[in-house]
Amino acid sequence: MEHQFTGRPSIAIIDNNTLASMGLKKILQDVMPIMTIETYISFEEMIQAGTDRFFHYFVSTNIVLENRDFFTQHAHKTIVLTLQSDAEMSGFKTLCVNVPEKELTMNLLRLEQRGHAGGKNLPKMPKVLRKQLLSDREIEVLSLVAQGHINKEIAEKLNIGLTTVITHRKNIQEKLGMKSVSALTIYAVMHGYVDINKI
């Protein structure tokens, strides 16, 4: 029987590489701000914490192989963390973590969009996260930033001055509290300001 999720749903990262877990946790918090991300260094530690509240398991390959029965039963919510992009595990979704941050972020966004397009199967975001913080012009600028355009190209596309673009970008970063292009891209995709296929 599937657990009915109440409150903020949780994601478990189970990986004995603490540094990798911390990095993935940070990116997942940007991609799915509604989720609580919990990290475990072993399968046993995660089992002790209780498993029925987890929406997804992000698990290193070796831990899946050592505990295959459990993860096979939960294959629909298991994402196996691999070190090679062509690595496949029969019956599981995989995510290569041995890639640059931008590529990992895009792969996570694609996974999220495929599994939860338009928020499907996810609880509603809190009102504060749904509120439109940006002006229409800032949304246009953000969309173009997410699509990889530089300031000069954005100015030309929107028919505005370069200093105006720089001002808009500064305002966007201050309003959202985000500086990196990766974080801004995640925000743009998650709020429907840009189609992931245009990035």
C-alpha atoms as a PDB file:
ATOM      1  CA  MET A   1       0.000   0.000   0.000  1.00  0.00           C
ATOM      2  CA  GLU A   2       1.370   3.417  -0.957  1.00  0.00           C
ATOM      3  CA  HIS A   3       1.882   5.921   1.838  1.00  0.00           C
ATOM      4  CA  GLN A   4      -0.255   9.073   1.664  1.00  0.00           C
ATOM      5  CA  PHE A   5       2.114  12.032   1.868  1.00  0.00           C
ATOM      6  CA  THR A   6       1.229  14.875   4.193  1.00  0.00           C
ATOM      7  CA  GLY A   7       3.190  18.071   4.724  1.00  0.00           C
ATOM      8  CA  ARG A   8       6.517  18.460   2.936  1.00  0.00           C
ATOM      9  CA  PRO A   9       7.432  15.209   1.187  1.00  0.00           C
ATOM     10  CA  SER A  10      10.924  13.818   1.642  1.00  0.00           C
ATOM     11  CA  ILE A  11      13.608  12.553  -0.692  1.00  0.00           C
ATOM     12  CA  ALA A  12      16.327  10.217   0.574  1.00  0.00           C
ATOM     13  CA  ILE A  13      19.866  10.348  -0.793  1.00  0.00           C
ATOM     14  CA  ILE A  14      21.679   7.152   0.142  1.00  0.00           C
ATOM     15  CA  ASP A  15      25.356   7.343  -0.759  1.00  0.00           C
ATOM     16  CA  ASN A  16      28.460   6.628   1.319  1.00  0.00           C
ATOM     17  CA  ASN A  17      30.214   9.556  -0.406  1.00  0.00           C
ATOM     18  CA  THR A  18      29.223  12.393   1.944  1.00  0.00           C
ATOM     19  CA  LEU A  19      30.594  15.144  -0.295  1.00  0.00           C
ATOM     20  CA  ALA A  20      28.641  13.890  -3.322  1.00  0.00           C
ATOM     21  CA  SER A  21      25.484  13.657  -1.180  1.00  0.00           C
ATOM     22  CA  MET A  22      25.875  17.249   0.013  1.00  0.00           C
ATOM     23  CA  GLY A  23      26.293  18.538  -3.551  1.00  0.00           C
ATOM     24  CA  LEU A  24      23.303  16.590  -4.846  1.00  0.00           C
ATOM     25  CA  LYS A  25      21.221  17.738  -1.866  1.00  0.00           C
ATOM     26  CA  LYS A  26      21.924  21.398  -2.709  1.00  0.00           C
ATOM     27  CA  ILE A  27      20.912  20.958  -6.368  1.00  0.00           C
ATOM     28  CA  LEU A  28      17.787  18.958  -5.463  1.00  0.00           C
ATOM     29  CA  GLN A  29      16.728  21.698  -3.020  1.00  0.00           C
ATOM     30  CA  ASP A  30      16.891  24.152  -5.932  1.00  0.00           C
ATOM     31  CA  VAL A  31      15.088  21.819  -8.363  1.00  0.00           C
ATOM     32  CA  MET A  32      12.370  20.760  -5.909  1.00  0.00           C
ATOM     33  CA  PRO A  33      12.100  23.438  -3.202  1.00  0.00           C
ATOM     34  CA  ILE A  34       8.958  21.795  -1.825  1.00  0.00           C
ATOM     35  CA  MET A  35      10.893  18.664  -0.827  1.00  0.00           C
ATOM     36  CA  THR A  36      12.782  17.914   2.367  1.00  0.00           C
ATOM     37  CA  ILE A  37      16.065  16.243   1.398  1.00  0.00           C
ATOM     38  CA  GLU A  38      17.565  13.742   3.855  1.00  0.00           C
ATOM     39  CA  THR A  39      20.988  12.138   3.388  1.00  0.00           C
ATOM     40  CA  TYR A  40      22.142   8.741   4.633  1.00  0.00           C
ATOM     41  CA  ILE A  41      25.564   7.107   4.349  1.00  0.00           C
ATOM     42  CA  SER A  42      24.160   3.570   4.404  1.00  0.00           C
ATOM     43  CA  PHE A  43      21.040   1.581   3.599  1.00  0.00           C
ATOM     44  CA  GLU A  44      20.776   0.516   7.264  1.00  0.00           C
ATOM     45  CA  GLU A  45      20.785   4.143   8.443  1.00  0.00           C
ATOM     46  CA  MET A  46      17.937   4.975   6.034  1.00  0.00           C
ATOM     47  CA  ILE A  47      15.928   1.896   7.134  1.00  0.00           C
ATOM     48  CA  GLN A  48      16.279   2.939  10.798  1.00  0.00           C
ATOM     49  CA  ALA A  49      14.903   6.380   9.936  1.00  0.00           C
ATOM     50  CA  GLY A  50      11.810   4.755   8.339  1.00  0.00           C
ATOM     51  CA  THR A  51      11.201   4.372   4.618  1.00  0.00           C
ATOM     52  CA  ASP A  52       7.483   4.940   4.031  1.00  0.00           C
ATOM     53  CA  ARG A  53       7.658   8.750   3.913  1.00  0.00           C
ATOM     54  CA  PHE A  54      10.067   8.982   0.984  1.00  0.00           C
ATOM     55  CA  PHE A  55       8.788  10.220  -2.342  1.00  0.00           C
ATOM     56  CA  HIS A  56      12.030   9.201  -4.089  1.00  0.00           C
ATOM     57  CA  TYR A  57      15.296   7.435  -3.326  1.00  0.00           C
ATOM     58  CA  PHE A  58      18.487   8.720  -4.974  1.00  0.00           C
ATOM     59  CA  VAL A  59      20.881   5.823  -4.376  1.00  0.00           C
ATOM     60  CA  SER A  60      24.465   4.997  -5.325  1.00  0.00           C
ATOM     61  CA  THR A  61      24.844   1.973  -7.583  1.00  0.00           C
ATOM     62  CA  ASN A  62      26.701  -0.146  -4.993  1.00  0.00           C
ATOM     63  CA  ILE A  63      23.957   0.337  -2.368  1.00  0.00           C
ATOM     64  CA  VAL A  64      21.263  -0.641  -4.908  1.00  0.00           C
ATOM     65  CA  LEU A  65      23.223  -3.778  -5.852  1.00  0.00           C
ATOM     66  CA  GLU A  66      23.689  -4.760  -2.185  1.00  0.00           C
ATOM     67  CA  ASN A  67      19.963  -4.211  -1.427  1.00  0.00           C
ATOM     68  CA  ARG A  68      18.422  -5.044  -4.783  1.00  0.00           C
ATOM     69  CA  ASP A  69      15.238  -6.665  -3.374  1.00  0.00           C
ATOM     70  CA  PHE A  70      14.186  -3.502  -1.537  1.00  0.00           C
ATOM     71  CA  PHE A  71      14.922  -1.157  -4.444  1.00  0.00           C
ATOM     72  CA  THR A  72      13.307  -3.461  -7.014  1.00  0.00           C
ATOM     73  CA  GLN A  73      10.103  -3.279  -4.951  1.00  0.00           C
ATOM     74  CA  HIS A  74      10.435   0.529  -5.005  1.00  0.00           C
ATOM     75  CA  ALA A  75      11.780   0.852  -8.564  1.00  0.00           C
ATOM     76  CA  HIS A  76       9.171   3.492  -9.522  1.00  0.00           C
ATOM     77  CA  LYS A  77      10.627   5.856  -6.921  1.00  0.00           C
ATOM     78  CA  THR A  78      14.302   4.875  -7.166  1.00  0.00           C
ATOM     79  CA  ILE A  79      16.878   6.841  -9.153  1.00  0.00           C
ATOM     80  CA  VAL A  80      20.272   5.114  -9.316  1.00  0.00           C
ATOM     81  CA  LEU A  81      23.302   7.430  -9.166  1.00  0.00           C
ATOM     82  CA  THR A  82      25.872   6.277 -11.739  1.00  0.00           C
ATOM     83  CA  LEU A  83      29.386   7.445 -12.593  1.00  0.00           C
ATOM     84  CA  GLN A  84      29.047   6.882 -16.353  1.00  0.00           C
ATOM     85  CA  SER A  85      26.427   8.465 -18.574  1.00  0.00           C
ATOM     86  CA  ASP A  86      25.862   5.246 -20.517  1.00  0.00           C
ATOM     87  CA  ALA A  87      25.444   3.085 -17.396  1.00  0.00           C
ATOM     88  CA  GLU A  88      22.088   1.352 -17.297  1.00  0.00           C
ATOM     89  CA  MET A  89      20.465  -0.682 -14.575  1.00  0.00           C
ATOM     90  CA  SER A  90      17.616  -2.871 -15.684  1.00  0.00           C
ATOM     91  CA  GLY A  91      14.289  -1.643 -14.336  1.00  0.00           C
ATOM     92  CA  PHE A  92      15.660   1.588 -12.791  1.00  0.00           C
ATOM     93  CA  LYS A  93      15.932   5.224 -13.823  1.00  0.00           C
ATOM     94  CA  THR A  94      19.553   6.360 -13.689  1.00  0.00           C
ATOM     95  CA  LEU A  95      21.268   9.700 -13.173  1.00  0.00           C
ATOM     96  CA  CYS A  96      24.931  10.221 -14.023  1.00  0.00           C
ATOM     97  CA  VAL A  97      26.516  12.352 -11.280  1.00  0.00           C
ATOM     98  CA  ASN A  98      29.969  12.458 -12.875  1.00  0.00           C
ATOM     99  CA  VAL A  99      29.157  15.442 -15.132  1.00  0.00           C
ATOM    100  CA  PRO A 100      29.479  19.252 -14.875  1.00  0.00           C
ATOM    101  CA  GLU A 101      26.962  21.002 -12.577  1.00  0.00           C
ATOM    102  CA  LYS A 102      24.970  22.538 -15.435  1.00  0.00           C
ATOM    103  CA  GLU A 103      24.507  19.136 -17.115  1.00  0.00           C
ATOM    104  CA  LEU A 104      23.563  17.441 -13.821  1.00  0.00           C
ATOM    105  CA  THR A 105      21.060  20.213 -13.112  1.00  0.00           C
ATOM    106  CA  MET A 106      19.511  19.853 -16.577  1.00  0.00           C
ATOM    107  CA  ASN A 107      19.285  16.057 -16.190  1.00  0.00           C
ATOM    108  CA  LEU A 108      17.545  16.471 -12.826  1.00  0.00           C
ATOM    109  CA  LEU A 109      15.137  18.999 -14.327  1.00  0.00           C
ATOM    110  CA  ARG A 110      14.351  16.584 -17.172  1.00  0.00           C
ATOM    111  CA  LEU A 111      13.703  13.784 -14.667  1.00  0.00           C
ATOM    112  CA  GLU A 112      11.428  16.073 -12.650  1.00  0.00           C
ATOM    113  CA  GLN A 113       9.568  17.320 -15.721  1.00  0.00           C
ATOM    114  CA  ARG A 114       9.026  13.784 -17.062  1.00  0.00           C
ATOM    115  CA  GLY A 115       7.817  12.417 -13.737  1.00  0.00           C
ATOM    116  CA  HIS A 116       6.021  15.464 -12.380  1.00  0.00           C
ATOM    117  CA  ALA A 117       5.170  17.724 -15.322  1.00  0.00           C
ATOM    118  CA  GLY A 118       3.029  20.612 -14.133  1.00  0.00           C
ATOM    119  CA  GLY A 119       3.368  19.428 -10.533  1.00  0.00           C
ATOM    120  CA  LYS A 120       1.689  16.054 -11.269  1.00  0.00           C
ATOM    121  CA  ASN A 121       1.820  13.729  -8.222  1.00  0.00           C
ATOM    122  CA  LEU A 122       3.312  16.488  -6.080  1.00  0.00           C
ATOM    123  CA  PRO A 123       1.626  18.415  -3.273  1.00  0.00           C
ATOM    124  CA  LYS A 124       0.848  22.083  -3.974  1.00  0.00           C
ATOM    125  CA  MET A 125       3.713  24.474  -3.455  1.00  0.00           C
ATOM    126  CA  PRO A 126       3.335  26.802  -0.472  1.00  0.00           C
ATOM    127  CA  LYS A 127       1.815  30.167  -1.422  1.00  0.00           C
ATOM    128  CA  VAL A 128       5.114  31.981  -0.839  1.00  0.00           C
ATOM    129  CA  LEU A 129       6.839  29.788  -3.465  1.00  0.00           C
ATOM    130  CA  ARG A 130       4.013  30.272  -5.995  1.00  0.00           C
ATOM    131  CA  LYS A 131       3.914  34.063  -5.716  1.00  0.00           C
ATOM    132  CA  GLN A 132       5.182  35.965  -8.751  1.00  0.00           C
ATOM    133  CA  LEU A 133       8.163  37.929  -7.497  1.00  0.00           C
ATOM    134  CA  LEU A 134       9.370  39.266 -10.827  1.00  0.00           C
ATOM    135  CA  SER A 135       7.969  41.873 -13.197  1.00  0.00           C
ATOM    136  CA  ASP A 136       6.963  40.788 -16.704  1.00  0.00           C
ATOM    137  CA  ARG A 137      10.141  42.327 -18.161  1.00  0.00           C
ATOM    138  CA  GLU A 138      12.310  40.570 -15.552  1.00  0.00           C
ATOM    139  CA  ILE A 139      10.625  37.270 -16.498  1.00  0.00           C
ATOM    140  CA  GLU A 140      11.520  37.913 -20.168  1.00  0.00           C
ATOM    141  CA  VAL A 141      15.147  38.593 -19.189  1.00  0.00           C
ATOM    142  CA  LEU A 142      15.261  35.533 -16.912  1.00  0.00           C
ATOM    143  CA  SER A 143      13.857  33.325 -19.682  1.00  0.00           C
ATOM    144  CA  LEU A 144      16.592  34.461 -22.070  1.00  0.00           C
ATOM    145  CA  VAL A 145      19.301  34.009 -19.399  1.00  0.00           C
ATOM    146  CA  ALA A 146      18.041  30.452 -18.847  1.00  0.00           C
ATOM    147  CA  GLN A 147      18.253  29.821 -22.586  1.00  0.00           C
ATOM    148  CA  GLY A 148      21.946  30.706 -22.478  1.00  0.00           C
ATOM    149  CA  HIS A 149      21.890  34.204 -23.999  1.00  0.00           C
ATOM    150  CA  ILE A 150      24.501  36.765 -22.965  1.00  0.00           C
ATOM    151  CA  ASN A 151      23.583  40.313 -21.933  1.00  0.00           C
ATOM    152  CA  LYS A 152      24.288  41.806 -25.378  1.00  0.00           C
ATOM    153  CA  GLU A 153      21.998  39.255 -27.093  1.00  0.00           C
ATOM    154  CA  ILE A 154      19.258  39.852 -24.512  1.00  0.00           C
ATOM    155  CA  ALA A 155      19.463  43.608 -25.123  1.00  0.00           C
ATOM    156  CA  GLU A 156      19.112  43.062 -28.887  1.00  0.00           C
ATOM    157  CA  LYS A 157      16.229  40.568 -28.568  1.00  0.00           C
ATOM    158  CA  LEU A 158      14.242  42.799 -26.192  1.00  0.00           C
ATOM    159  CA  ASN A 159      15.271  46.038 -27.913  1.00  0.00           C
ATOM    160  CA  ILE A 160      16.583  47.572 -24.691  1.00  0.00           C
ATOM    161  CA  GLY A 161      19.950  48.954 -23.612  1.00  0.00           C
ATOM    162  CA  LEU A 162      22.777  46.804 -22.273  1.00  0.00           C
ATOM    163  CA  THR A 163      22.815  48.669 -18.933  1.00  0.00           C
ATOM    164  CA  THR A 164      19.057  48.030 -18.605  1.00  0.00           C
ATOM    165  CA  VAL A 165      19.672  44.278 -19.039  1.00  0.00           C
ATOM    166  CA  ILE A 166      22.413  44.393 -16.393  1.00  0.00           C
ATOM    167  CA  THR A 167      20.064  46.257 -14.027  1.00  0.00           C
ATOM    168  CA  HIS A 168      17.281  43.695 -14.627  1.00  0.00           C
ATOM    169  CA  ARG A 169      19.683  40.809 -13.945  1.00  0.00           C
ATOM    170  CA  LYS A 170      20.864  42.450 -10.726  1.00  0.00           C
ATOM    171  CA  ASN A 171      17.248  42.976  -9.616  1.00  0.00           C
ATOM    172  CA  ILE A 172      16.328  39.362 -10.483  1.00  0.00           C
ATOM    173  CA  GLN A 173      19.288  38.032  -8.470  1.00  0.00           C
ATOM    174  CA  GLU A 174      18.402  40.219  -5.477  1.00  0.00           C
ATOM    175  CA  LYS A 175      14.675  39.366  -5.544  1.00  0.00           C
ATOM    176  CA  LEU A 176      15.296  35.619  -5.848  1.00  0.00           C
ATOM    177  CA  GLY A 177      18.436  35.469  -3.704  1.00  0.00           C
ATOM    178  CA  MET A 178      20.167  33.506  -6.489  1.00  0.00           C
ATOM    179  CA  LYS A 179      23.397  34.383  -8.238  1.00  0.00           C
ATOM    180  CA  SER A 180      24.319  31.352 -10.373  1.00  0.00           C
ATOM    181  CA  VAL A 181      22.915  30.824 -13.857  1.00  0.00           C
ATOM    182  CA  SER A 182      22.115  27.211 -12.848  1.00  0.00           C
ATOM    183  CA  ALA A 183      19.900  28.348  -9.958  1.00  0.00           C
ATOM    184  CA  LEU A 184      18.196  30.974 -12.166  1.00  0.00           C
ATOM    185  CA  THR A 185      17.624  28.343 -14.872  1.00  0.00           C
ATOM    186  CA  ILE A 186      16.042  25.968 -12.338  1.00  0.00           C
ATOM    187  CA  TYR A 187      13.773  28.752 -11.093  1.00  0.00           C
ATOM    188  CA  ALA A 188      12.728  29.653 -14.650  1.00  0.00           C
ATOM    189  CA  VAL A 189      11.883  26.034 -15.561  1.00  0.00           C
ATOM    190  CA  MET A 190      10.098  25.259 -12.290  1.00  0.00           C
ATOM    191  CA  HIS A 191       7.897  28.357 -12.637  1.00  0.00           C
ATOM    192  CA  GLY A 192       7.087  27.657 -16.276  1.00  0.00           C
ATOM    193  CA  TYR A 193       8.918  30.721 -17.613  1.00  0.00           C
ATOM    194  CA  VAL A 194      10.972  28.653 -20.041  1.00  0.00           C
ATOM    195  CA  ASP A 195      10.488  25.274 -21.704  1.00  0.00           C
ATOM    196  CA  ILE A 196      13.234  22.852 -20.690  1.00  0.00           C
ATOM    197  CA  ASN A 197      13.561  21.771 -24.337  1.00  0.00           C
ATOM    198  CA  LYS A 198      14.681  25.314 -25.287  1.00  0.00           C
ATOM    199  CA  ILE A 199      17.655  25.246 -22.964  1.00  0.00           C
END
